Protein backbone atom coordinates (compact mmCIF):
# COMPACT_ATOMS: atom_id res chain seq x y z
CA MET A 1 7.63 -35.99 3.78
CA PRO A 2 7.08 -32.80 6.16
CA ARG A 3 9.69 -32.17 8.65
CA LEU A 4 9.04 -32.81 12.13
CA LYS A 5 9.25 -28.98 13.40
CA ASP A 6 6.37 -28.45 10.38
CA CYS A 7 4.05 -31.06 12.15
CA LEU A 8 4.47 -29.66 15.49
CA PRO A 9 1.96 -27.29 15.24
CA LEU A 10 -0.87 -29.47 14.18
CA ALA A 11 0.36 -32.29 16.77
CA GLY A 12 -0.23 -29.45 19.36
CA ALA A 13 -3.55 -28.44 17.83
CA ALA A 14 -4.46 -32.45 17.85
CA VAL A 15 -3.61 -32.68 21.72
CA LEU A 16 -5.47 -29.51 22.51
CA SER A 17 -8.40 -29.84 20.04
CA PRO A 18 -10.70 -29.98 23.46
CA LEU A 19 -9.70 -26.47 24.76
CA LEU A 20 -9.38 -24.87 21.19
CA LEU A 21 -12.71 -25.57 20.26
CA ALA A 22 -14.07 -24.68 23.91
CA GLN A 23 -12.02 -21.38 23.47
CA ALA A 24 -13.46 -21.10 19.82
CA LEU A 25 -16.94 -21.35 20.82
CA HIS A 26 -16.74 -18.93 23.88
CA VAL A 27 -14.77 -16.16 21.55
CA ARG A 28 -17.93 -16.57 19.32
CA ARG A 29 -20.18 -16.17 21.88
CA VAL A 30 -19.14 -13.35 23.55
CA THR A 31 -17.49 -11.11 20.72
CA PRO A 32 -19.76 -8.33 19.78
CA ARG A 33 -21.34 -8.66 16.17
CA LEU A 34 -20.35 -5.67 14.66
CA PRO A 35 -22.01 -3.99 11.61
CA GLU A 36 -20.17 -3.48 8.23
CA ALA A 37 -19.61 -0.02 7.34
CA ALA A 38 -22.60 2.00 6.01
CA GLY A 39 -22.09 4.54 3.34
CA PRO A 40 -21.70 4.08 -0.77
CA ARG A 41 -19.58 0.84 -2.45
CA ARG A 42 -19.31 2.70 -5.43
CA GLY A 43 -18.68 5.79 -7.19
CA GLU A 44 -16.17 7.87 -9.17
CA ALA A 45 -14.01 10.84 -7.66
CA GLY A 46 -10.88 12.61 -8.07
CA GLN A 47 -9.00 14.42 -11.25
CA GLY A 48 -6.27 12.94 -13.33
CA PRO A 49 -5.58 9.93 -15.22
CA LEU A 50 -8.58 7.35 -15.06
CA LEU A 51 -7.81 4.23 -12.68
CA ARG A 52 -10.27 1.76 -12.57
CA LEU A 53 -10.36 0.02 -8.63
CA LEU A 54 -12.19 -3.12 -7.62
CA ILE A 55 -12.14 -3.99 -3.60
CA LEU A 56 -12.84 -7.68 -2.79
CA GLY A 57 -13.25 -9.53 0.13
CA ASP A 58 -14.20 -10.05 3.71
CA SER A 59 -15.66 -8.14 6.53
CA ALA A 60 -12.35 -6.25 6.72
CA ALA A 61 -12.89 -4.92 3.17
CA ALA A 62 -16.43 -4.15 3.72
CA GLY A 63 -15.58 -2.01 6.83
CA VAL A 64 -16.36 -3.91 9.80
CA GLY A 65 -14.85 -1.89 12.66
CA VAL A 66 -15.74 1.22 11.69
CA ALA A 67 -18.98 3.29 11.27
CA GLU A 68 -18.64 4.45 7.72
CA GLN A 69 -16.78 3.50 4.60
CA SER A 70 -15.13 6.95 5.03
CA GLU A 71 -13.33 5.89 7.48
CA ALA A 72 -12.77 2.06 6.09
CA LEU A 73 -10.18 0.69 3.47
CA SER A 74 -12.33 1.86 0.78
CA GLY A 75 -12.72 5.39 2.01
CA GLN A 76 -9.06 5.69 3.09
CA LEU A 77 -7.66 4.11 -0.31
CA LEU A 78 -9.89 6.44 -2.15
CA ARG A 79 -8.47 9.60 -0.08
CA LEU A 80 -5.15 8.97 -1.10
CA LEU A 81 -5.44 7.98 -4.94
CA THR A 82 -7.84 10.83 -6.08
CA ALA A 83 -5.25 13.31 -5.19
CA ASP A 84 -3.28 11.37 -8.57
CA PHE A 85 -6.36 9.65 -10.49
CA ARG A 86 -9.66 9.83 -11.45
CA VAL A 87 -11.17 7.03 -9.47
CA HIS A 88 -13.79 4.41 -10.80
CA TRP A 89 -14.25 2.51 -7.71
CA MET A 90 -16.47 -0.47 -6.27
CA LEU A 91 -16.16 -2.65 -3.24
CA HIS A 92 -17.74 -6.08 -3.06
CA ALA A 93 -17.17 -7.46 0.45
CA GLN A 94 -19.39 -9.67 2.58
CA SER A 95 -18.49 -10.62 5.79
CA GLY A 96 -17.91 -14.21 6.45
CA PHE A 97 -16.71 -14.69 2.81
CA LYS A 98 -13.98 -17.05 2.48
CA THR A 99 -12.47 -17.39 -0.74
CA ALA A 100 -14.66 -20.21 -2.27
CA ASP A 101 -17.63 -18.05 -1.14
CA LEU A 102 -16.21 -14.76 -2.95
CA LEU A 103 -15.11 -17.28 -5.69
CA ARG A 104 -19.07 -18.21 -6.07
CA ASN A 105 -20.07 -14.78 -5.61
CA LEU A 106 -18.05 -12.72 -8.57
CA GLY A 107 -20.71 -14.41 -10.79
CA THR A 108 -23.23 -11.75 -9.99
CA LEU A 109 -20.51 -8.69 -10.96
CA THR A 110 -20.58 -7.76 -14.81
CA PRO A 111 -16.85 -8.36 -15.95
CA VAL A 112 -16.16 -5.02 -16.68
CA PRO A 113 -12.07 -4.37 -17.31
CA VAL A 114 -10.37 -2.92 -13.74
CA ASP A 115 -6.67 -1.73 -13.30
CA ALA A 116 -6.07 -2.65 -10.09
CA VAL A 117 -8.03 -5.29 -7.74
CA VAL A 118 -7.60 -5.49 -3.75
CA THR A 119 -8.26 -8.35 -2.16
CA SER A 120 -9.05 -8.76 1.72
CA LEU A 121 -9.44 -12.57 2.27
CA GLY A 122 -7.71 -15.30 4.58
CA VAL A 123 -8.97 -14.69 8.56
CA ASN A 124 -12.43 -17.05 7.50
CA ASP A 125 -10.35 -19.31 5.92
CA VAL A 126 -8.31 -19.46 8.82
CA THR A 127 -11.09 -20.06 11.48
CA GLY A 128 -12.78 -22.46 8.82
CA ALA A 129 -9.84 -24.65 8.57
CA THR A 130 -9.37 -24.34 5.01
CA ARG A 131 -6.05 -26.50 4.23
CA ARG A 132 -3.11 -24.68 2.71
CA GLN A 133 -3.06 -26.91 -0.46
CA ARG A 134 -7.16 -25.75 -1.05
CA TRP A 135 -5.93 -22.18 -0.08
CA GLN A 136 -3.53 -22.19 -2.92
CA GLN A 137 -5.94 -23.52 -5.26
CA LEU A 138 -8.79 -21.33 -5.07
CA GLN A 139 -6.07 -18.39 -4.66
CA ALA A 140 -4.97 -19.43 -7.93
CA GLU A 141 -8.42 -19.97 -9.27
CA LEU A 142 -9.14 -16.19 -8.03
CA ILE A 143 -6.34 -14.53 -9.81
CA GLU A 144 -6.87 -16.65 -13.02
CA THR A 145 -10.22 -15.41 -13.01
CA LEU A 146 -9.46 -11.71 -12.08
CA LYS A 147 -7.43 -11.89 -15.19
CA GLN A 148 -9.59 -13.12 -17.73
CA ARG A 149 -12.96 -12.02 -16.87
CA PHE A 150 -11.97 -8.24 -15.36
CA GLU A 151 -8.68 -8.02 -17.22
CA ALA A 152 -6.79 -7.01 -14.04
CA ARG A 153 -3.67 -5.64 -14.38
CA LEU A 154 -2.65 -5.57 -11.00
CA ILE A 155 -3.82 -7.86 -8.40
CA LEU A 156 -3.08 -6.92 -4.73
CA LEU A 157 -3.59 -9.77 -2.49
CA SER A 158 -3.44 -8.37 1.22
CA ALA A 159 -1.65 -10.42 3.63
CA VAL A 160 -3.74 -12.21 6.15
CA PRO A 161 -3.58 -9.98 9.30
CA PRO A 162 -1.63 -11.22 12.17
CA MET A 163 -4.00 -13.32 14.26
CA HIS A 164 -1.51 -14.14 16.97
CA ARG A 165 -2.23 -10.43 17.98
CA PHE A 166 -5.66 -10.35 18.07
CA PRO A 167 -6.91 -9.42 21.46
CA ALA A 168 -10.25 -11.22 21.27
CA LEU A 169 -8.22 -14.53 20.95
CA PRO A 170 -7.02 -16.49 24.31
CA GLN A 171 -4.30 -18.64 24.27
CA PRO A 172 -3.41 -21.07 22.93
CA LEU A 173 -6.02 -20.88 20.38
CA ARG A 174 -4.76 -17.37 19.21
CA GLN A 175 -1.13 -19.10 18.72
CA THR A 176 -2.75 -21.80 16.94
CA LEU A 177 -4.51 -19.40 14.31
CA GLY A 178 -1.59 -17.25 13.76
CA TRP A 179 0.24 -20.08 12.91
CA ARG A 180 -2.21 -20.67 10.22
CA ALA A 181 -2.11 -17.32 8.95
CA ARG A 182 1.00 -17.23 8.28
CA ARG A 183 1.12 -20.50 6.27
CA LEU A 184 -1.36 -18.89 3.83
CA ASN A 185 0.36 -15.88 3.91
CA ALA A 186 3.64 -17.80 2.51
CA THR A 187 1.39 -19.52 -0.04
CA LEU A 188 0.41 -15.89 -0.95
CA ALA A 189 3.84 -14.94 -1.64
CA GLU A 190 4.66 -18.15 -3.62
CA LEU A 191 1.59 -16.90 -5.98
CA ALA A 192 2.69 -13.44 -6.17
CA ALA A 193 6.32 -14.01 -7.03
CA ALA A 194 5.36 -16.94 -9.39
CA GLN A 195 3.23 -14.77 -11.66
CA ASP A 196 3.42 -10.70 -13.33
CA GLY A 197 0.74 -8.16 -12.34
CA VAL A 198 0.51 -10.05 -8.98
CA GLU A 199 1.50 -8.55 -5.88
CA LEU A 200 1.56 -9.25 -1.96
CA CYS A 201 0.43 -6.49 0.35
CA GLN A 202 2.37 -6.59 3.95
CA ILE A 203 0.76 -4.20 6.19
CA PRO A 204 2.71 -2.97 8.92
CA PHE A 205 0.27 -3.34 11.29
CA PRO A 206 1.93 -2.37 15.06
CA PRO A 207 1.44 -4.79 18.08
CA ASN A 208 -0.82 -2.58 20.01
CA PRO A 209 -4.58 -2.83 20.66
CA VAL A 210 -5.08 0.69 19.32
CA TYR A 211 -5.28 -0.52 16.10
CA MET A 212 -7.93 -2.94 16.76
CA ALA A 213 -11.97 -2.19 16.67
CA GLU A 214 -13.76 -2.69 20.10
CA ASP A 215 -14.12 -6.81 19.08
CA GLY A 216 -10.41 -7.21 19.37
CA PHE A 217 -10.88 -8.77 16.34
CA HIS A 218 -11.42 -6.46 13.47
CA PRO A 219 -9.32 -3.34 12.27
CA GLY A 220 -9.74 0.19 13.70
CA PRO A 221 -9.69 3.44 12.10
CA ARG A 222 -5.47 3.36 12.43
CA ALA A 223 -5.03 0.06 10.83
CA TYR A 224 -7.48 0.81 7.95
CA ALA A 225 -5.43 4.19 7.26
CA LEU A 226 -1.99 1.49 7.39
CA TRP A 227 -3.19 -0.63 5.24
CA ALA A 228 -4.88 1.89 2.46
CA GLU A 229 -1.17 3.75 2.93
CA ALA A 230 0.54 0.31 1.96
CA LEU A 231 -1.56 -0.21 -1.37
CA ALA A 232 -1.54 3.33 -2.42
CA ILE A 233 2.12 3.02 -2.64
CA GLN A 234 2.17 0.09 -5.03
CA ILE A 235 -0.65 1.32 -6.87
CA ARG A 236 1.28 4.21 -7.85
CA ALA A 237 4.15 2.54 -8.29
CA LYS A 238 2.24 0.82 -11.19
CA PHE A 239 0.12 3.53 -12.82
CA SER A 240 1.46 6.55 -11.61
CA PRO A 241 3.10 8.43 -14.89
CA ALA A 242 7.03 8.54 -14.85
CA ARG A 243 8.10 11.78 -13.57
CA PRO A 244 10.74 13.71 -15.53
CA GLN A 245 14.39 13.73 -13.85
CA ALA A 246 15.50 17.38 -13.34
CA ILE A 247 18.41 18.27 -15.40
CA ASP A 248 21.65 19.68 -13.74
């Protein structure tokens, strides 16, 4: 039986459901529809040991909120990694993707081995009311698919962003979606802790609207930079050759 404090947000949502629905429809109506970032979605760059990188996910992975992929997650992450690696990379992302959508769509990709996979999922699962148990099942299936079909050595699950801070969302909708996002993140943390080669990437987004895109819903260039820095640290920790220690 769930604890009372775990039921309170759901009880509040049930009481306020007409208001939440009205707010959600209003947000959908007035929020600008921004395009995915322009630019290449695959290539090879840099020098050093080969790193095969696959970026998967939703509109944030696709770079919505900035004009070019060079400003988005893929470009900013490449800029950091190509100083140490020859990066063979591919971005496979689409606005609106939930975890189930990505899983179905992975069949269109040739299953070539990769070293590191970055996922960006969750916001659409939150707004689409994916239940926590279903989210856990889908994320576990995604991890298994990436390990088996793509031989992924490191899977970095990007945390669902802090939706309770999204300027585009009014209260109490913002609080409700933020609570759902935190629950999905707790599940991601459990999955990462239980499996080798899987890590949660927590992005230190400051509570400042300057990090958001003009729609108040997607990352801006500064947020993509912070996200890329957090990922690069974890990728280097896994794949950078150990540096010899100085001898006194």
